[in-house]
PDB file of N, CA and C in Angstrom:
ATOM      1  N   MET A   1       1.855 -16.929  17.956  1.00  0.00           N
ATOM      2  CA  MET A   1       2.721 -16.641  18.645  1.00  0.00           C
ATOM      3  C   MET A   1       2.614 -15.216  19.085  1.00  0.00           C
ATOM      4  N   LEU A   2       2.509 -14.425  17.975  1.00  0.00           N
ATOM      5  CA  LEU A   2       2.526 -13.064  18.033  1.00  0.00           C
ATOM      6  C   LEU A   2       1.573 -12.645  18.899  1.00  0.00           C
ATOM      7  N   GLU A   3       0.408 -12.879  18.687  1.00  0.00           N
ATOM      8  CA  GLU A   3      -0.643 -12.634  19.704  1.00  0.00           C
ATOM      9  C   GLU A   3      -0.872 -12.860  21.195  1.00  0.00           C
ATOM     10  N   HIS A   4      -0.369 -13.971  21.375  1.00  0.00           N
ATOM     11  CA  HIS A   4      -0.366 -14.478  22.767  1.00  0.00           C
ATOM     12  C   HIS A   4       1.114 -14.635  23.700  1.00  0.00           C
ATOM     13  N   LYS A   5       2.238 -14.521  23.346  1.00  0.00           N
ATOM     14  CA  LYS A   5       3.620 -14.907  24.450  1.00  0.00           C
ATOM     15  C   LYS A   5       4.179 -13.417  23.750  1.00  0.00           C
ATOM     16  N   THR A   6       3.868 -12.896  22.848  1.00  0.00           N
ATOM     17  CA  THR A   6       4.936 -11.737  22.195  1.00  0.00           C
ATOM     18  C   THR A   6       4.033 -10.517  22.068  1.00  0.00           C
ATOM     19  N   LEU A   7       2.772  -9.593  22.531  1.00  0.00           N
ATOM     20  CA  LEU A   7       1.774  -8.864  22.119  1.00  0.00           C
ATOM     21  C   LEU A   7       1.943  -7.292  23.151  1.00  0.00           C
ATOM     22  N   ASP A   8       2.409  -7.590  24.649  1.00  0.00           N
ATOM     23  CA  ASP A   8       3.465  -5.945  24.938  1.00  0.00           C
ATOM     24  C   ASP A   8       4.408  -5.728  23.661  1.00  0.00           C
ATOM     25  N   ILE A   9       5.378  -6.523  23.237  1.00  0.00           N
ATOM     26  CA  ILE A   9       5.749  -6.174  22.275  1.00  0.00           C
ATOM     27  C   ILE A   9       5.672  -5.634  21.205  1.00  0.00           C
ATOM     28  N   ILE A  10       4.638  -5.768  20.860  1.00  0.00           N
ATOM     29  CA  ILE A  10       4.129  -5.604  19.759  1.00  0.00           C
ATOM     30  C   ILE A  10       3.875  -4.034  19.606  1.00  0.00           C
ATOM     31  N   GLU A  11       2.764  -3.865  20.784  1.00  0.00           N
ATOM     32  CA  GLU A  11       2.317  -3.136  20.951  1.00  0.00           C
ATOM     33  C   GLU A  11       3.011  -1.778  21.225  1.00  0.00           C
ATOM     34  N   ARG A  12       4.614  -2.592  22.215  1.00  0.00           N
ATOM     35  CA  ARG A  12       5.891  -0.915  21.894  1.00  0.00           C
ATOM     36  C   ARG A  12       5.809  -0.493  20.553  1.00  0.00           C
ATOM     37  N   LEU A  13       6.221  -1.551  20.265  1.00  0.00           N
ATOM     38  CA  LEU A  13       6.919  -1.681  18.211  1.00  0.00           C
ATOM     39  C   LEU A  13       5.104  -0.275  18.140  1.00  0.00           C
ATOM     40  N   ARG A  14       4.300  -0.911  17.592  1.00  0.00           N
ATOM     41  CA  ARG A  14       3.643   0.246  17.244  1.00  0.00           C
ATOM     42  C   ARG A  14       3.585   0.943  17.430  1.00  0.00           C
ATOM     43  N   LYS A  15       3.205   1.417  18.840  1.00  0.00           N
ATOM     44  CA  LYS A  15       3.422   2.386  19.401  1.00  0.00           C
ATOM     45  C   LYS A  15       4.925   3.406  18.927  1.00  0.00           C
ATOM     46  N   ALA A  16       6.425   2.608  18.862  1.00  0.00           N
ATOM     47  CA  ALA A  16       6.751   3.576  19.319  1.00  0.00           C
ATOM     48  C   ALA A  16       7.114   4.292  17.570  1.00  0.00           C
ATOM     49  N   SER A  17       6.917   3.752  16.552  1.00  0.00           N
ATOM     50  CA  SER A  17       6.602   3.625  15.246  1.00  0.00           C
ATOM     51  C   SER A  17       6.381   5.168  15.139  1.00  0.00           C
ATOM     52  N   GLU A  18       5.312   5.132  15.818  1.00  0.00           N
ATOM     53  CA  GLU A  18       4.115   6.286  15.690  1.00  0.00           C
ATOM     54  C   GLU A  18       5.508   7.880  15.579  1.00  0.00           C
ATOM     55  N   THR A  19       6.416   7.815  16.661  1.00  0.00           N
ATOM     56  CA  THR A  19       7.375   9.020  15.885  1.00  0.00           C
ATOM     57  C   THR A  19       8.943   8.534  16.017  1.00  0.00           C
ATOM     58  N   LYS A  20       9.245   7.173  15.662  1.00  0.00           N
ATOM     59  CA  LYS A  20      10.272   6.830  15.273  1.00  0.00           C
ATOM     60  C   LYS A  20      11.105   6.021  13.798  1.00  0.00           C
ATOM     61  N   THR A  21      11.316   5.939  13.758  1.00  0.00           N
ATOM     62  CA  THR A  21      12.171   4.451  12.115  1.00  0.00           C
ATOM     63  C   THR A  21      12.203   3.559  13.480  1.00  0.00           C
ATOM     64  N   ILE A  22      11.921   2.511  12.346  1.00  0.00           N
ATOM     65  CA  ILE A  22      12.421   1.024  13.920  1.00  0.00           C
ATOM     66  C   ILE A  22      12.986   0.119  12.484  1.00  0.00           C
ATOM     67  N   VAL A  23      13.910  -0.427  12.714  1.00  0.00           N
ATOM     68  CA  VAL A  23      14.901  -0.978  11.579  1.00  0.00           C
ATOM     69  C   VAL A  23      14.254  -2.411  12.609  1.00  0.00           C
ATOM     70  N   LEU A  24      14.285  -4.102  12.226  1.00  0.00           N
ATOM     71  CA  LEU A  24      14.339  -4.749  12.255  1.00  0.00           C
ATOM     72  C   LEU A  24      15.233  -5.613  11.343  1.00  0.00           C
ATOM     73  N   LEU A  25      15.815  -6.882  12.214  1.00  0.00           N
ATOM     74  CA  LEU A  25      17.450  -7.033  11.510  1.00  0.00           C
ATOM     75  C   LEU A  25      17.052  -8.596  11.571  1.00  0.00           C
ATOM     76  N   ASP A  26      17.119  -9.259   9.969  1.00  0.00           N
ATOM     77  CA  ASP A  26      16.618 -10.418   9.247  1.00  0.00           C
ATOM     78  C   ASP A  26      17.652 -11.389   9.066  1.00  0.00           C
ATOM     79  N   TYR A  27      18.115 -12.454   9.107  1.00  0.00           N
ATOM     80  CA  TYR A  27      19.415 -13.010   8.539  1.00  0.00           C
ATOM     81  C   TYR A  27      19.212 -13.350   6.982  1.00  0.00           C
ATOM     82  N   ASN A  28      17.143 -14.241   6.987  1.00  0.00           N
ATOM     83  CA  ASN A  28      16.202 -14.817   6.295  1.00  0.00           C
ATOM     84  C   ASN A  28      15.786 -13.393   5.146  1.00  0.00           C
ATOM     85  N   THR A  29      15.620 -12.967   4.113  1.00  0.00           N
ATOM     86  CA  THR A  29      14.638 -11.686   3.346  1.00  0.00           C
ATOM     87  C   THR A  29      13.139 -11.617   2.778  1.00  0.00           C
ATOM     88  N   CYS A  30      13.161 -13.258   3.056  1.00  0.00           N
ATOM     89  CA  CYS A  30      12.027 -14.168   1.813  1.00  0.00           C
ATOM     90  C   CYS A  30      11.238 -13.557   2.643  1.00  0.00           C
ATOM     91  N   CYS A  31      10.490 -12.810   1.934  1.00  0.00           N
ATOM     92  CA  CYS A  31       8.694 -12.166   2.571  1.00  0.00           C
ATOM     93  C   CYS A  31       7.950 -12.387   1.551  1.00  0.00           C
ATOM     94  N   ASP A  32       7.994 -13.605   0.763  1.00  0.00           N
ATOM     95  CA  ASP A  32       6.856 -13.894   0.342  1.00  0.00           C
ATOM     96  C   ASP A  32       6.471 -15.530   0.406  1.00  0.00           C
ATOM     97  N   VAL A  33       5.208 -15.154   1.222  1.00  0.00           N
ATOM     98  CA  VAL A  33       4.614 -16.537   2.309  1.00  0.00           C
ATOM     99  C   VAL A  33       4.237 -17.403   1.656  1.00  0.00           C
ATOM    100  N   ASP A  34       4.477 -17.219  -0.137  1.00  0.00           N
ATOM    101  CA  ASP A  34       3.899 -18.216  -0.896  1.00  0.00           C
ATOM    102  C   ASP A  34       4.411 -19.005  -1.492  1.00  0.00           C
ATOM    103  N   ASP A  35       6.004 -18.643  -0.982  1.00  0.00           N
ATOM    104  CA  ASP A  35       7.034 -19.511  -1.379  1.00  0.00           C
ATOM    105  C   ASP A  35       8.161 -20.061  -0.290  1.00  0.00           C
ATOM    106  N   GLU A  36       8.204 -21.961  -0.938  1.00  0.00           N
ATOM    107  CA  GLU A  36       8.130 -22.770  -0.216  1.00  0.00           C
ATOM    108  C   GLU A  36       9.542 -23.641  -0.235  1.00  0.00           C
ATOM    109  N   THR A  37      10.080 -22.418  -0.970  1.00  0.00           N
ATOM    110  CA  THR A  37      11.735 -22.239  -1.104  1.00  0.00           C
ATOM    111  C   THR A  37      12.881 -22.336  -0.319  1.00  0.00           C
ATOM    112  N   LYS A  38      12.266 -21.209   0.457  1.00  0.00           N
ATOM    113  CA  LYS A  38      13.068 -19.983   1.039  1.00  0.00           C
ATOM    114  C   LYS A  38      12.455 -19.966   3.046  1.00  0.00           C
ATOM    115  N   PRO A  39      13.291 -20.286   3.939  1.00  0.00           N
ATOM    116  CA  PRO A  39      12.437 -19.783   4.875  1.00  0.00           C
ATOM    117  C   PRO A  39      12.072 -17.720   5.070  1.00  0.00           C
ATOM    118  N   LEU A  40      10.943 -17.670   5.708  1.00  0.00           N
ATOM    119  CA  LEU A  40      10.421 -16.667   5.696  1.00  0.00           C
ATOM    120  C   LEU A  40      11.129 -15.633   6.598  1.00  0.00           C
ATOM    121  N   SER A  41      10.872 -14.443   6.384  1.00  0.00           N
ATOM    122  CA  SER A  41      11.946 -14.004   7.477  1.00  0.00           C
ATOM    123  C   SER A  41      10.661 -13.630   8.503  1.00  0.00           C
ATOM    124  N   HIS A  42      11.734 -13.560  10.030  1.00  0.00           N
ATOM    125  CA  HIS A  42      10.891 -13.544  10.733  1.00  0.00           C
ATOM    126  C   HIS A  42      10.620 -11.894  11.304  1.00  0.00           C
ATOM    127  N   ALA A  43      11.547 -11.214  10.859  1.00  0.00           N
ATOM    128  CA  ALA A  43      11.382  -9.669  11.038  1.00  0.00           C
ATOM    129  C   ALA A  43      10.442  -8.960   9.670  1.00  0.00           C
ATOM    130  N   TYR A  44       9.866  -9.687   8.481  1.00  0.00           N
ATOM    131  CA  TYR A  44       9.222  -9.248   7.690  1.00  0.00           C
ATOM    132  C   TYR A  44       7.275  -9.839   8.308  1.00  0.00           C
ATOM    133  N   LEU A  45       7.870 -10.182   8.920  1.00  0.00           N
ATOM    134  CA  LEU A  45       6.283 -11.046  10.481  1.00  0.00           C
ATOM    135  C   LEU A  45       5.824 -10.454  11.018  1.00  0.00           C
ATOM    136  N   VAL A  46       6.862  -9.878  11.754  1.00  0.00           N
ATOM    137  CA  VAL A  46       6.722  -9.040  12.898  1.00  0.00           C
ATOM    138  C   VAL A  46       6.518  -7.413  12.722  1.00  0.00           C
ATOM    139  N   LYS A  47       7.280  -7.047  11.350  1.00  0.00           N
ATOM    140  CA  LYS A  47       7.049  -5.895  10.896  1.00  0.00           C
ATOM    141  C   LYS A  47       5.292  -6.110  10.109  1.00  0.00           C
ATOM    142  N   ALA A  48       5.050  -6.860   9.837  1.00  0.00           N
ATOM    143  CA  ALA A  48       3.532  -6.899   9.188  1.00  0.00           C
ATOM    144  C   ALA A  48       2.341  -7.036   9.596  1.00  0.00           C
ATOM    145  N   TYR A  49       2.744  -7.931  10.784  1.00  0.00           N
ATOM    146  CA  TYR A  49       1.577  -7.783  12.077  1.00  0.00           C
ATOM    147  C   TYR A  49       1.338  -6.982  12.859  1.00  0.00           C
ATOM    148  N   ALA A  50       2.781  -5.736  13.103  1.00  0.00           N
ATOM    149  CA  ALA A  50       2.382  -4.367  13.714  1.00  0.00           C
ATOM    150  C   ALA A  50       2.315  -2.966  12.925  1.00  0.00           C
ATOM    151  N   GLU A  51       2.013  -3.661  11.645  1.00  0.00           N
ATOM    152  CA  GLU A  51       1.440  -2.565  11.074  1.00  0.00           C
ATOM    153  C   GLU A  51       0.051  -3.183  10.708  1.00  0.00           C
ATOM    154  N   GLY A  52      -0.550  -4.293  11.224  1.00  0.00           N
ATOM    155  CA  GLY A  52      -1.763  -4.515  10.828  1.00  0.00           C
ATOM    156  C   GLY A  52      -2.134  -5.736   9.538  1.00  0.00           C
ATOM    157  N   LEU A  53      -0.749  -5.797   9.460  1.00  0.00           N
ATOM    158  CA  LEU A  53      -1.499  -6.640   7.989  1.00  0.00           C
ATOM    159  C   LEU A  53      -0.219  -8.113   8.429  1.00  0.00           C
ATOM    160  N   TYR A  54      -0.812  -8.780   8.264  1.00  0.00           N
ATOM    161  CA  TYR A  54      -0.655  -9.970   8.384  1.00  0.00           C
ATOM    162  C   TYR A  54      -1.829 -11.661   8.173  1.00  0.00           C
ATOM    163  N   PRO A  55      -1.479 -12.306   7.377  1.00  0.00           N
ATOM    164  CA  PRO A  55       0.652 -12.660   6.603  1.00  0.00           C
ATOM    165  C   PRO A  55       0.400 -11.195   5.287  1.00  0.00           C
ATOM    166  N   PHE A  56      -0.923 -11.138   4.880  1.00  0.00           N
ATOM    167  CA  PHE A  56      -0.715 -10.722   3.783  1.00  0.00           C
ATOM    168  C   PHE A  56      -1.449  -9.607   3.603  1.00  0.00           C
ATOM    169  N   ASP A  57      -0.887  -8.233   2.738  1.00  0.00           N
ATOM    170  CA  ASP A  57      -1.019  -6.974   2.867  1.00  0.00           C
ATOM    171  C   ASP A  57      -2.618  -6.806   2.667  1.00  0.00           C
ATOM    172  N   TYR A  58      -3.147  -7.449   2.199  1.00  0.00           N
ATOM    173  CA  TYR A  58      -4.335  -6.984   1.157  1.00  0.00           C
ATOM    174  C   TYR A  58      -5.527  -6.950   2.683  1.00  0.00           C
ATOM    175  N   LEU A  59      -4.834  -7.961   4.058  1.00  0.00           N
ATOM    176  CA  LEU A  59      -6.017  -7.599   4.743  1.00  0.00           C
ATOM    177  C   LEU A  59      -5.865  -7.005   5.518  1.00  0.00           C
ATOM    178  N   LYS A  60      -6.675  -5.669   6.234  1.00  0.00           N
ATOM    179  CA  LYS A  60      -6.562  -5.450   7.563  1.00  0.00           C
ATOM    180  C   LYS A  60      -7.284  -5.844   8.268  1.00  0.00           C
ATOM    181  N   LEU A  61      -5.832  -5.597   9.372  1.00  0.00           N
ATOM    182  CA  LEU A  61      -6.601  -5.789  10.984  1.00  0.00           C
ATOM    183  C   LEU A  61      -6.972  -5.314  11.807  1.00  0.00           C
ATOM    184  N   SER A  62      -8.095  -4.727  12.480  1.00  0.00           N
ATOM    185  CA  SER A  62      -8.154  -3.573  13.512  1.00  0.00           C
ATOM    186  C   SER A  62      -7.157  -3.623  14.438  1.00  0.00           C
ATOM    187  N   LYS A  63      -6.848  -2.373  14.687  1.00  0.00           N
ATOM    188  CA  LYS A  63      -6.142  -2.490  15.798  1.00  0.00           C
ATOM    189  C   LYS A  63      -7.068  -2.466  17.196  1.00  0.00           C
ATOM    190  N   LYS A  64      -6.258  -2.873  18.093  1.00  0.00           N
ATOM    191  CA  LYS A  64      -7.032  -2.328  19.417  1.00  0.00           C
ATOM    192  C   LYS A  64      -6.879  -1.503  20.119  1.00  0.00           C
ATOM    193  N   PRO A  65      -7.465  -0.303  20.789  1.00  0.00           N
ATOM    194  CA  PRO A  65      -7.154   1.121  21.191  1.00  0.00           C
ATOM    195  C   PRO A  65      -6.306   1.358  22.043  1.00  0.00           C
TER     196      PRO A  65
END
């Protein structure tokens, strides 16, 4: 969904984060993708994707020029 429906928004977040602090708010704060007992934070997923880390921080995605 992040690649197909919101790519333009993600790109705007990436660009804006170069010069500004971006704050994403979410009711859920679980950032552990392996924890099935709590809902995963959508803000965390968007942040990780925008930073090129999705969904695991040891995987670097290549950023598009």
